[in-house]
Amino acid sequence: MRPDDFRALLQRFCAAAEAGDGDAFAACFTPDGVYHDYIYGDHTGRASIAHMLTDLFRRDAGPDYRWQMFDPVCDGQLGYAWSLSSFTSQIPEFAGRFVVIDGMSRFELHDGLIADYRESVNGGVAMAQLGVAAPRIEKVLARWGRQLRDLPATQAWLAEGKQPR
């Protein structure tokens, strides 16, 4: 994938997310593509990815959701971009609270589509803006820390030990 093609894919990806168009969003992925979401978990395949966007994420984020990617880089098979997103929470417990967050997105690409998507977002920043109580934030962040340590890639990296440079 060329850099211009990657930028166009990101444009479609974000526009579909903002519009709440699950089918258009899922069409940015290969048929067996995976979206790893730090809140809603892993979603594999276009139907599951469309469901995650429309029935989970946009249910909670509401109609003012914005998402934009900046500074995209792509080597043809792997792409990265920094993003900003914002929304007003629709979650009953936090309804009406405005949130803005940034993140880094990683895209594994195949045949011009996303085969695997993951992001690194400071969810603690989002939870603080929502007004989540500190003990609950601590519990969630501890769970995310365990999940990070348990990833096969993390386990493999840790098993290597520190290498001489």
C-alpha atoms as a PDB file:
ATOM      1  CA  MET A   1       0.000   0.000   0.000  1.00  0.00           C
ATOM      2  CA  ARG A   2       1.327   3.417  -0.945  1.00  0.00           C
ATOM      3  CA  PRO A   3       1.259   6.300   1.564  1.00  0.00           C
ATOM      4  CA  ASP A   4      -1.503   8.098  -0.393  1.00  0.00           C
ATOM      5  CA  ASP A   5      -3.617   4.938  -0.384  1.00  0.00           C
ATOM      6  CA  PHE A   6      -3.089   4.592   3.371  1.00  0.00           C
ATOM      7  CA  ARG A   7      -4.186   8.197   3.951  1.00  0.00           C
ATOM      8  CA  ALA A   8      -7.328   7.537   1.862  1.00  0.00           C
ATOM      9  CA  LEU A   9      -8.061   4.375   3.882  1.00  0.00           C
ATOM     10  CA  LEU A  10      -7.718   6.334   7.126  1.00  0.00           C
ATOM     11  CA  GLN A  11     -10.087   8.983   5.767  1.00  0.00           C
ATOM     12  CA  ARG A  12     -12.736   6.316   4.970  1.00  0.00           C
ATOM     13  CA  PHE A  13     -12.123   4.597   8.318  1.00  0.00           C
ATOM     14  CA  CYS A  14     -12.624   7.766  10.383  1.00  0.00           C
ATOM     15  CA  ALA A  15     -15.532   9.065   8.275  1.00  0.00           C
ATOM     16  CA  ALA A  16     -17.392   5.773   8.705  1.00  0.00           C
ATOM     17  CA  ALA A  17     -16.726   5.782  12.466  1.00  0.00           C
ATOM     18  CA  GLU A  18     -17.952   9.365  12.782  1.00  0.00           C
ATOM     19  CA  ALA A  19     -21.080   8.570  10.739  1.00  0.00           C
ATOM     20  CA  GLY A  20     -21.784   5.445  12.786  1.00  0.00           C
ATOM     21  CA  ASP A  21     -21.819   3.448   9.533  1.00  0.00           C
ATOM     22  CA  GLY A  22     -20.839  -0.030  10.677  1.00  0.00           C
ATOM     23  CA  ASP A  23     -20.902  -1.544   7.197  1.00  0.00           C
ATOM     24  CA  ALA A  24     -18.632   1.149   5.718  1.00  0.00           C
ATOM     25  CA  PHE A  25     -16.339   0.903   8.740  1.00  0.00           C
ATOM     26  CA  ALA A  26     -16.112  -2.889   8.482  1.00  0.00           C
ATOM     27  CA  ALA A  27     -15.472  -2.613   4.730  1.00  0.00           C
ATOM     28  CA  CYS A  28     -12.110  -1.027   5.599  1.00  0.00           C
ATOM     29  CA  PHE A  29     -11.083  -4.440   6.975  1.00  0.00           C
ATOM     30  CA  THR A  30     -10.247  -7.743   5.325  1.00  0.00           C
ATOM     31  CA  PRO A  31     -13.079 -10.289   5.709  1.00  0.00           C
ATOM     32  CA  ASP A  32     -11.231 -11.882   8.653  1.00  0.00           C
ATOM     33  CA  GLY A  33      -9.820  -8.609   9.985  1.00  0.00           C
ATOM     34  CA  VAL A  34      -9.500  -7.986  13.705  1.00  0.00           C
ATOM     35  CA  TYR A  35     -10.241  -4.789  15.645  1.00  0.00           C
ATOM     36  CA  HIS A  36      -8.698  -4.848  19.125  1.00  0.00           C
ATOM     37  CA  ASP A  37     -10.612  -2.359  21.271  1.00  0.00           C
ATOM     38  CA  TYR A  38      -9.375  -1.553  24.758  1.00  0.00           C
ATOM     39  CA  ILE A  39     -12.941  -1.141  26.058  1.00  0.00           C
ATOM     40  CA  TYR A  40     -15.071  -3.527  23.989  1.00  0.00           C
ATOM     41  CA  GLY A  41     -12.493  -6.274  23.404  1.00  0.00           C
ATOM     42  CA  ASP A  42     -11.456  -8.029  20.219  1.00  0.00           C
ATOM     43  CA  HIS A  43     -13.796  -8.220  17.241  1.00  0.00           C
ATOM     44  CA  THR A  44     -12.997 -10.539  14.345  1.00  0.00           C
ATOM     45  CA  GLY A  45     -14.678 -10.371  10.947  1.00  0.00           C
ATOM     46  CA  ARG A  46     -16.680  -7.629   9.341  1.00  0.00           C
ATOM     47  CA  ALA A  47     -20.005  -8.464  11.027  1.00  0.00           C
ATOM     48  CA  SER A  48     -18.469  -8.337  14.490  1.00  0.00           C
ATOM     49  CA  ILE A  49     -16.543  -5.138  13.710  1.00  0.00           C
ATOM     50  CA  ALA A  50     -19.710  -3.456  12.381  1.00  0.00           C
ATOM     51  CA  HIS A  51     -21.587  -4.576  15.511  1.00  0.00           C
ATOM     52  CA  MET A  52     -18.839  -3.170  17.775  1.00  0.00           C
ATOM     53  CA  LEU A  53     -19.021   0.227  16.080  1.00  0.00           C
ATOM     54  CA  THR A  54     -22.798   0.635  15.831  1.00  0.00           C
ATOM     55  CA  ASP A  55     -24.164  -1.323  18.780  1.00  0.00           C
ATOM     56  CA  LEU A  56     -21.474  -0.739  21.387  1.00  0.00           C
ATOM     57  CA  PHE A  57     -19.176   2.175  20.672  1.00  0.00           C
ATOM     58  CA  ARG A  58     -21.595   4.582  19.027  1.00  0.00           C
ATOM     59  CA  ARG A  59     -24.288   3.661  21.544  1.00  0.00           C
ATOM     60  CA  ASP A  60     -21.974   4.992  24.242  1.00  0.00           C
ATOM     61  CA  ALA A  61     -20.232   7.817  22.345  1.00  0.00           C
ATOM     62  CA  GLY A  62     -23.263   9.408  20.724  1.00  0.00           C
ATOM     63  CA  PRO A  63     -23.806  11.493  17.596  1.00  0.00           C
ATOM     64  CA  ASP A  64     -21.113  14.140  18.146  1.00  0.00           C
ATOM     65  CA  TYR A  65     -18.276  11.604  17.908  1.00  0.00           C
ATOM     66  CA  ARG A  66     -15.192  12.870  16.052  1.00  0.00           C
ATOM     67  CA  TRP A  67     -12.045  10.962  15.071  1.00  0.00           C
ATOM     68  CA  GLN A  68      -9.158  12.184  12.993  1.00  0.00           C
ATOM     69  CA  MET A  69      -5.797  10.615  12.156  1.00  0.00           C
ATOM     70  CA  PHE A  70      -2.650  12.723  11.862  1.00  0.00           C
ATOM     71  CA  ASP A  71       0.901  12.141  10.643  1.00  0.00           C
ATOM     72  CA  PRO A  72       0.255   8.746   9.009  1.00  0.00           C
ATOM     73  CA  VAL A  73       3.233   6.613   8.046  1.00  0.00           C
ATOM     74  CA  CYS A  74       3.091   3.400   6.057  1.00  0.00           C
ATOM     75  CA  ASP A  75       5.663   0.966   4.687  1.00  0.00           C
ATOM     76  CA  GLY A  76       3.102  -0.894   2.575  1.00  0.00           C
ATOM     77  CA  GLN A  77       2.290  -3.603   5.114  1.00  0.00           C
ATOM     78  CA  LEU A  78       2.254  -1.703   8.379  1.00  0.00           C
ATOM     79  CA  GLY A  79       0.862   1.746   9.104  1.00  0.00           C
ATOM     80  CA  TYR A  80       0.754   4.061  12.092  1.00  0.00           C
ATOM     81  CA  ALA A  81      -1.036   7.317  12.848  1.00  0.00           C
ATOM     82  CA  TRP A  82      -1.621   9.599  15.828  1.00  0.00           C
ATOM     83  CA  SER A  83      -5.260  10.439  16.455  1.00  0.00           C
ATOM     84  CA  LEU A  84      -7.560  12.742  18.329  1.00  0.00           C
ATOM     85  CA  SER A  85     -11.124  11.806  19.140  1.00  0.00           C
ATOM     86  CA  SER A  86     -13.928  13.372  21.120  1.00  0.00           C
ATOM     87  CA  PHE A  87     -17.480  12.608  22.130  1.00  0.00           C
ATOM     88  CA  THR A  88     -20.188  13.385  24.628  1.00  0.00           C
ATOM     89  CA  SER A  89     -20.948  10.296  26.688  1.00  0.00           C
ATOM     90  CA  GLN A  90     -24.321   8.622  26.297  1.00  0.00           C
ATOM     91  CA  ILE A  91     -23.629   6.104  29.073  1.00  0.00           C
ATOM     92  CA  PRO A  92     -26.405   6.775  31.600  1.00  0.00           C
ATOM     93  CA  GLU A  93     -24.004   7.034  34.545  1.00  0.00           C
ATOM     94  CA  PHE A  94     -21.855   9.598  32.672  1.00  0.00           C
ATOM     95  CA  ALA A  95     -24.358  11.103  30.216  1.00  0.00           C
ATOM     96  CA  GLY A  96     -23.481  14.544  28.949  1.00  0.00           C
ATOM     97  CA  ARG A  97     -19.798  14.465  29.908  1.00  0.00           C
ATOM     98  CA  PHE A  98     -17.476  15.578  27.119  1.00  0.00           C
ATOM     99  CA  VAL A  99     -14.297  13.568  26.506  1.00  0.00           C
ATOM    100  CA  VAL A 100     -11.287  14.223  24.283  1.00  0.00           C
ATOM    101  CA  ILE A 101      -8.440  11.711  23.979  1.00  0.00           C
ATOM    102  CA  ASP A 102      -5.457  11.021  21.789  1.00  0.00           C
ATOM    103  CA  GLY A 103      -3.955   7.748  20.729  1.00  0.00           C
ATOM    104  CA  MET A 104      -1.560   5.893  18.483  1.00  0.00           C
ATOM    105  CA  SER A 105      -3.049   3.463  15.989  1.00  0.00           C
ATOM    106  CA  ARG A 106      -1.304   0.479  14.423  1.00  0.00           C
ATOM    107  CA  PHE A 107      -2.632  -1.024  11.207  1.00  0.00           C
ATOM    108  CA  GLU A 108      -1.487  -4.329   9.721  1.00  0.00           C
ATOM    109  CA  LEU A 109      -2.443  -4.094   6.060  1.00  0.00           C
ATOM    110  CA  HIS A 110      -3.257  -6.715   3.434  1.00  0.00           C
ATOM    111  CA  ASP A 111      -4.466  -6.098  -0.120  1.00  0.00           C
ATOM    112  CA  GLY A 112      -5.276  -2.458   0.632  1.00  0.00           C
ATOM    113  CA  LEU A 113      -7.366  -3.215   3.725  1.00  0.00           C
ATOM    114  CA  ILE A 114      -6.841  -3.494   7.467  1.00  0.00           C
ATOM    115  CA  ALA A 115      -6.062  -7.025   8.607  1.00  0.00           C
ATOM    116  CA  ASP A 116      -5.371  -6.121  12.238  1.00  0.00           C
ATOM    117  CA  TYR A 117      -6.023  -2.875  14.127  1.00  0.00           C
ATOM    118  CA  ARG A 118      -4.933  -1.939  17.601  1.00  0.00           C
ATOM    119  CA  GLU A 119      -4.416   1.327  19.405  1.00  0.00           C
ATOM    120  CA  SER A 120      -2.733   2.690  22.446  1.00  0.00           C
ATOM    121  CA  VAL A 121      -4.964   5.183  24.228  1.00  0.00           C
ATOM    122  CA  ASN A 122      -4.671   6.456  27.772  1.00  0.00           C
ATOM    123  CA  GLY A 123      -8.049   5.276  28.981  1.00  0.00           C
ATOM    124  CA  GLY A 124      -7.341   6.796  32.383  1.00  0.00           C
ATOM    125  CA  VAL A 125      -7.585  10.245  30.787  1.00  0.00           C
ATOM    126  CA  ALA A 126     -10.999   9.348  29.342  1.00  0.00           C
ATOM    127  CA  MET A 127     -12.243   7.888  32.631  1.00  0.00           C
ATOM    128  CA  ALA A 128     -11.134  10.969  34.581  1.00  0.00           C
ATOM    129  CA  GLN A 129     -13.032  13.224  32.151  1.00  0.00           C
ATOM    130  CA  LEU A 130     -16.107  11.032  32.557  1.00  0.00           C
ATOM    131  CA  GLY A 131     -15.915  11.376  36.339  1.00  0.00           C
ATOM    132  CA  VAL A 132     -15.249   7.700  37.054  1.00  0.00           C
ATOM    133  CA  ALA A 133     -14.427   7.216  40.730  1.00  0.00           C
ATOM    134  CA  ALA A 134     -10.726   6.686  41.506  1.00  0.00           C
ATOM    135  CA  PRO A 135     -11.112   3.137  42.938  1.00  0.00           C
ATOM    136  CA  ARG A 136     -12.889   2.049  39.762  1.00  0.00           C
ATOM    137  CA  ILE A 137     -10.201   3.649  37.571  1.00  0.00           C
ATOM    138  CA  GLU A 138      -7.542   1.831  39.593  1.00  0.00           C
ATOM    139  CA  LYS A 139      -9.341  -1.494  39.113  1.00  0.00           C
ATOM    140  CA  VAL A 140      -9.685  -0.985  35.339  1.00  0.00           C
ATOM    141  CA  LEU A 141      -6.071   0.128  34.899  1.00  0.00           C
ATOM    142  CA  ALA A 142      -4.846  -2.877  36.899  1.00  0.00           C
ATOM    143  CA  ARG A 143      -6.867  -5.183  34.619  1.00  0.00           C
ATOM    144  CA  TRP A 144      -5.413  -3.501  31.515  1.00  0.00           C
ATOM    145  CA  GLY A 145      -1.924  -3.935  32.979  1.00  0.00           C
ATOM    146  CA  ARG A 146      -2.544  -7.666  33.450  1.00  0.00           C
ATOM    147  CA  GLN A 147      -3.889  -7.929  29.904  1.00  0.00           C
ATOM    148  CA  LEU A 148      -0.767  -6.227  28.536  1.00  0.00           C
ATOM    149  CA  ARG A 149       1.525  -8.546  30.459  1.00  0.00           C
ATOM    150  CA  ASP A 150      -0.447 -11.591  29.266  1.00  0.00           C
ATOM    151  CA  LEU A 151      -0.254 -10.769  25.543  1.00  0.00           C
ATOM    152  CA  PRO A 152       1.793 -13.370  23.641  1.00  0.00           C
ATOM    153  CA  ALA A 153       3.930 -10.606  22.100  1.00  0.00           C
ATOM    154  CA  THR A 154       4.670  -9.176  25.551  1.00  0.00           C
ATOM    155  CA  GLN A 155       5.464 -12.611  26.960  1.00  0.00           C
ATOM    156  CA  ALA A 156       7.849 -13.338  24.062  1.00  0.00           C
ATOM    157  CA  TRP A 157       9.564  -9.976  24.519  1.00  0.00           C
ATOM    158  CA  LEU A 158       9.947 -10.475  28.265  1.00  0.00           C
ATOM    159  CA  ALA A 159      11.332 -13.988  27.726  1.00  0.00           C
ATOM    160  CA  GLU A 160      14.126 -12.580  25.546  1.00  0.00           C
ATOM    161  CA  GLY A 161      15.544 -10.638  28.451  1.00  0.00           C
ATOM    162  CA  LYS A 162      17.567  -7.495  28.030  1.00  0.00           C
ATOM    163  CA  GLN A 163      19.760  -7.753  24.973  1.00  0.00           C
ATOM    164  CA  PRO A 164      23.139  -6.079  24.617  1.00  0.00           C
ATOM    165  CA  ARG A 165      23.031  -3.103  22.299  1.00  0.00           C
END
